[in-house]
Protein backbone atom coordinates (compact mmCIF):
# COMPACT_ATOMS: atom_id res chain seq x y z
CA MET A 1 -45.49 7.29 23.77
CA ASP A 2 -49.25 6.79 23.43
CA VAL A 3 -50.76 5.85 20.48
CA GLN A 4 -53.62 7.67 21.22
CA ASP A 5 -51.83 10.87 21.73
CA PRO A 6 -52.15 13.22 18.62
CA GLN A 7 -48.54 14.71 18.81
CA ALA A 8 -47.16 10.92 19.00
CA HIS A 9 -46.89 11.11 15.14
CA ASP A 10 -46.39 14.98 14.48
CA PRO A 11 -43.07 15.46 12.73
CA PHE A 12 -42.21 18.13 14.67
CA GLN A 13 -41.80 16.40 17.54
CA CYS A 14 -38.72 14.72 15.74
CA PRO A 15 -36.08 17.62 15.27
CA VAL A 16 -34.49 16.20 12.22
CA ASN A 17 -37.87 15.68 10.49
CA ALA A 18 -38.54 19.41 11.19
CA THR A 19 -35.35 20.48 9.78
CA LEU A 20 -35.74 18.32 6.61
CA ASN A 21 -39.31 19.85 6.15
CA LEU A 22 -37.84 23.29 5.94
CA LEU A 23 -35.18 22.41 3.94
CA ASN A 24 -36.44 19.83 1.78
CA GLU A 25 -38.02 22.13 -0.79
CA ARG A 26 -36.67 22.26 -3.70
CA TRP A 27 -34.12 25.51 -4.40
CA THR A 28 -34.32 26.12 -0.50
CA LEU A 29 -30.42 24.90 0.09
CA HIS A 30 -29.51 26.43 -2.66
CA ILE A 31 -30.97 29.83 -1.53
CA VAL A 32 -29.31 29.23 2.00
CA ARG A 33 -25.56 28.61 0.46
CA THR A 34 -26.20 31.66 -1.74
CA LEU A 35 -27.19 33.84 1.55
CA LEU A 36 -24.35 32.55 3.57
CA GLU A 37 -21.96 34.68 1.23
CA GLY A 38 -23.86 37.82 2.22
CA LYS A 39 -26.85 39.81 1.34
CA GLN A 40 -28.07 39.60 -2.04
CA ARG A 41 -31.02 41.03 -3.91
CA PHE A 42 -34.10 39.48 -4.92
CA ASN A 43 -32.91 39.21 -8.61
CA GLU A 44 -28.98 38.15 -7.75
CA ILE A 45 -30.54 35.27 -5.88
CA ALA A 46 -32.83 33.98 -8.66
CA ARG A 47 -29.98 34.60 -11.51
CA ARG A 48 -27.37 32.78 -9.51
CA ASN A 49 -29.32 29.67 -9.03
CA GLY A 50 -31.78 30.09 -12.02
CA ILE A 51 -34.79 29.91 -9.90
CA ASN A 52 -38.09 31.23 -11.38
CA PRO A 53 -39.42 34.21 -9.67
CA ARG A 54 -42.43 32.58 -8.29
CA THR A 55 -40.72 29.83 -6.68
CA LEU A 56 -38.03 32.09 -5.32
CA ARG A 57 -40.50 34.21 -3.82
CA ASP A 58 -42.35 31.30 -2.26
CA ARG A 59 -39.15 29.73 -0.89
CA LEU A 60 -38.33 33.22 0.39
CA ALA A 61 -41.56 33.54 2.23
CA ALA A 62 -40.96 30.35 4.15
CA LEU A 63 -37.57 31.25 5.26
CA GLU A 64 -38.50 34.65 6.49
CA GLU A 65 -41.69 32.74 8.44
CA GLU A 66 -39.44 30.45 9.63
CA GLY A 67 -36.96 33.11 10.93
CA VAL A 68 -34.31 31.94 8.45
CA VAL A 69 -34.11 34.95 6.17
CA THR A 70 -34.73 38.60 6.91
CA ARG A 71 -36.26 41.05 4.18
CA THR A 72 -35.71 44.74 3.91
CA VAL A 73 -37.08 46.91 1.44
CA ILE A 74 -34.44 49.48 -0.15
CA ALA A 75 -36.04 52.93 -0.79
CA THR A 76 -34.60 53.18 -4.27
CA MET A 77 -36.44 54.05 -7.53
CA PRO A 78 -37.27 51.32 -8.70
CA PRO A 79 -37.29 49.53 -4.93
CA ASN A 80 -35.43 46.95 -3.97
CA VAL A 81 -35.52 43.63 -1.60
CA GLU A 82 -32.36 42.44 0.06
CA TYR A 83 -32.46 39.23 1.78
CA ALA A 84 -30.07 37.97 4.44
CA LEU A 85 -29.84 35.55 6.63
CA THR A 86 -30.75 35.70 10.37
CA GLU A 87 -28.15 34.59 13.11
CA LYS A 88 -30.74 31.34 13.11
CA GLY A 89 -29.98 30.78 8.88
CA MET A 90 -26.33 31.53 9.68
CA ALA A 91 -26.37 28.33 11.89
CA LEU A 92 -27.03 26.49 8.89
CA ASN A 93 -23.43 26.64 7.75
CA CYS A 94 -22.44 23.83 9.65
CA ILE A 95 -24.95 21.60 7.29
CA PHE A 96 -23.17 22.78 4.16
CA GLU A 97 -19.56 22.14 6.01
CA ALA A 98 -20.62 18.79 6.70
CA LEU A 99 -21.92 17.93 3.13
CA ALA A 100 -18.25 19.54 1.80
CA GLU A 101 -16.57 17.20 4.27
CA TRP A 102 -18.34 14.29 3.33
CA GLY A 103 -18.01 14.91 -0.28
CA ARG A 104 -14.52 15.37 -0.63
CA THR A 105 -14.52 12.43 1.47
CA TRP A 106 -16.73 10.01 -0.56
CA MET A 107 -17.56 11.75 -3.69
CA ARG A 108 -15.53 10.32 -6.65
CA PRO A 109 -13.90 13.42 -8.70
CA PRO A 110 -15.28 13.84 -11.98
CA ASP A 111 -13.96 11.89 -14.78
CA THR A 112 -11.38 14.05 -16.49
CA GLU A 113 -10.40 11.02 -18.76
CA ASN A 114 -13.99 11.29 -20.69
CA ALA A 115 -13.92 15.30 -20.78
CA SER A 116 -13.11 16.91 -24.13
């Protein structure tokens, strides 16, 4: 790799860095996990995850721009917006499956002795 090459330090040349750059924003993984259950309206996503509307709007816009989420306006009064994962977004499910497996193997169960 040539040190003078401007792409030599481009984080998008590494697929792990590119993926982490997309998913590393706060709440993004929570949003994707919620949408893995199916289409959701904006307020449902916000309520289920405790995300403020401005942050949710920004995260959904970034995911839509990346082709992970689709946005559909429902012609009702007042209009509603539904979000769903694309095929690209659904492919992220393997990350959640790997996290769950790791958690089952390595995380300690909550301390039930101290729970009252």
